[in-house]
Amino acid sequence: TFSAYPGCRFSDIELREEEGIPTEEFLESCYAIVPVLDKLGPTVFAPVKMDFVGNIKKINQKFITNKEEFDTLQKIVLHEVNAGVAQVRNSATEALLWLKRGLKFLKGFLTEVKNGEKNIQTAL
């Protein structure tokens, strides 16, 4: 939990019954993790941070084109699937996939550290 950034935790995001994950709140939660990556190791985590921020920006760029239409991640993905661009390089859908993988990686790393792993390479 990133309690230093109140209101920006994934656990605080309220899912919308039929519509899914609110885009803006999700992106805010992702942005809140970026300073944590710097604290973990600005050199070791530089590539992870760059990838992470790049994917957040791609999703945000899609979101800001129509905040009402793309108010959930699911709506963005469905729009891109229907438009036939979901699998296109640099699509918001592709960025979301890589962002999810990055979050999963980070969670695994932090779990290893929390469980007592002292060697950063082993934890990674």
Protein backbone atom coordinates (compact mmCIF):
# COMPACT_ATOMS: atom_id res chain seq x y z
CA THR A 1 0.00 0.00 0.00
CA PHE A 2 1.24 3.44 -0.92
CA SER A 3 -0.20 5.37 1.99
CA ALA A 4 2.00 8.38 1.23
CA TYR A 5 -0.37 9.08 -1.66
CA PRO A 6 -3.86 9.13 -0.11
CA GLY A 7 -6.76 8.65 -2.48
CA CYS A 8 -4.52 7.14 -5.13
CA ARG A 9 -4.56 3.50 -4.07
CA PHE A 10 -5.93 0.80 -6.32
CA SER A 11 -7.93 -0.55 -3.38
CA ASP A 12 -9.78 2.80 -3.19
CA ILE A 13 -11.05 2.57 -6.76
CA GLU A 14 -14.77 1.88 -6.87
CA LEU A 15 -15.70 -0.40 -9.74
CA ARG A 16 -18.71 0.69 -11.72
CA GLU A 17 -21.23 -2.15 -11.75
CA GLU A 18 -21.64 -2.74 -15.48
CA GLU A 19 -18.98 -0.44 -16.86
CA GLY A 20 -15.82 -1.51 -15.05
CA ILE A 21 -12.69 0.29 -13.86
CA PRO A 22 -12.77 4.11 -13.89
CA THR A 23 -9.96 5.28 -16.18
CA GLU A 24 -9.04 8.47 -14.37
CA GLU A 25 -8.76 6.88 -10.92
CA PHE A 26 -6.78 3.96 -12.35
CA LEU A 27 -4.30 6.31 -14.03
CA GLU A 28 -3.94 8.37 -10.84
CA SER A 29 -3.14 5.18 -8.91
CA CYS A 30 -0.55 4.22 -11.51
CA TYR A 31 1.07 7.66 -11.43
CA ALA A 32 1.28 7.42 -7.62
CA ILE A 33 3.59 4.39 -8.00
CA VAL A 34 6.17 6.24 -10.13
CA PRO A 35 7.95 8.00 -7.19
CA VAL A 36 8.09 4.64 -5.41
CA LEU A 37 10.11 3.23 -8.33
CA ASP A 38 12.64 6.05 -7.83
CA LYS A 39 12.91 5.18 -4.13
CA LEU A 40 13.40 1.48 -4.90
CA GLY A 41 16.39 2.19 -7.08
CA PRO A 42 16.60 4.94 -9.69
CA THR A 43 19.17 3.00 -11.72
CA VAL A 44 17.88 -0.56 -11.36
CA PHE A 45 14.28 0.48 -11.93
CA ALA A 46 14.92 3.08 -14.65
CA PRO A 47 13.81 0.77 -17.51
CA VAL A 48 10.77 -0.36 -15.53
CA LYS A 49 9.85 3.25 -14.76
CA MET A 50 10.29 4.34 -18.37
CA ASP A 51 8.08 1.51 -19.62
CA PHE A 52 5.54 2.10 -16.86
CA VAL A 53 5.26 5.86 -17.49
CA GLY A 54 5.13 5.35 -21.27
CA ASN A 55 2.20 2.97 -20.96
CA ILE A 56 0.36 5.25 -18.54
CA LYS A 57 0.79 8.12 -21.03
CA LYS A 58 -0.55 6.05 -23.94
CA ILE A 59 -3.70 5.19 -22.01
CA ASN A 60 -4.07 8.79 -20.84
CA GLN A 61 -3.68 10.10 -24.40
CA LYS A 62 -6.62 7.94 -25.47
CA PHE A 63 -8.63 8.93 -22.39
CA ILE A 64 -8.24 12.68 -22.93
CA THR A 65 -9.53 12.46 -26.51
CA ASN A 66 -12.99 11.81 -25.05
CA LYS A 67 -13.16 11.63 -21.25
CA GLU A 68 -16.89 10.93 -21.21
CA GLU A 69 -16.79 8.10 -23.74
CA PHE A 70 -13.61 6.56 -22.29
CA ASP A 71 -14.45 6.93 -18.61
CA THR A 72 -13.64 3.24 -17.98
CA LEU A 73 -10.76 1.07 -19.17
CA GLN A 74 -13.25 -1.44 -20.55
CA LYS A 75 -14.80 1.22 -22.81
CA ILE A 76 -11.38 2.11 -24.19
CA VAL A 77 -10.59 -1.54 -24.95
CA LEU A 78 -14.02 -2.21 -26.49
CA HIS A 79 -13.70 0.90 -28.65
CA GLU A 80 -10.27 -0.19 -29.92
CA VAL A 81 -11.42 -3.77 -30.49
CA ASN A 82 -14.43 -2.57 -32.49
CA ALA A 83 -12.23 -0.15 -34.46
CA GLY A 84 -9.78 -2.97 -35.20
CA VAL A 85 -6.85 -1.18 -33.59
CA ALA A 86 -6.57 -3.00 -30.22
CA GLN A 87 -3.56 -5.02 -31.39
CA VAL A 88 -1.87 -2.12 -33.16
CA ARG A 89 1.47 -1.06 -31.72
CA ASN A 90 1.09 1.80 -29.21
CA SER A 91 -2.66 1.31 -28.82
CA ALA A 92 -4.14 2.02 -25.40
CA THR A 93 -5.15 -1.65 -25.21
CA GLU A 94 -1.56 -2.81 -25.77
CA ALA A 95 -0.36 -0.23 -23.23
CA LEU A 96 -2.88 -1.53 -20.70
CA LEU A 97 -1.66 -5.09 -21.24
CA TRP A 98 1.97 -4.07 -20.63
CA LEU A 99 1.00 -1.87 -17.70
CA LYS A 100 -0.79 -4.83 -16.12
CA ARG A 101 2.32 -6.96 -16.61
CA GLY A 102 4.45 -4.22 -15.04
CA LEU A 103 2.14 -3.98 -12.04
CA LYS A 104 2.20 -7.75 -11.63
CA PHE A 105 6.02 -7.74 -11.79
CA LEU A 106 6.22 -4.93 -9.22
CA LYS A 107 3.80 -6.72 -6.91
CA GLY A 108 5.89 -9.90 -7.13
CA PHE A 109 9.09 -7.98 -6.41
CA LEU A 110 7.60 -6.15 -3.43
CA THR A 111 6.19 -9.41 -2.08
CA GLU A 112 9.67 -10.95 -2.19
CA VAL A 113 11.12 -7.95 -0.33
CA LYS A 114 8.28 -8.00 2.20
CA ASN A 115 8.93 -11.70 2.79
CA GLY A 116 12.52 -10.90 3.76
CA GLU A 117 14.54 -11.19 0.54
CA LYS A 118 17.56 -8.88 0.96
CA ASN A 119 19.23 -9.52 -2.40
CA ILE A 120 17.64 -7.22 -4.99
CA GLN A 121 18.65 -9.46 -7.90
CA THR A 122 17.07 -12.49 -6.27
CA ALA A 123 13.90 -10.51 -5.53
CA LEU A 124 13.77 -9.34 -9.14
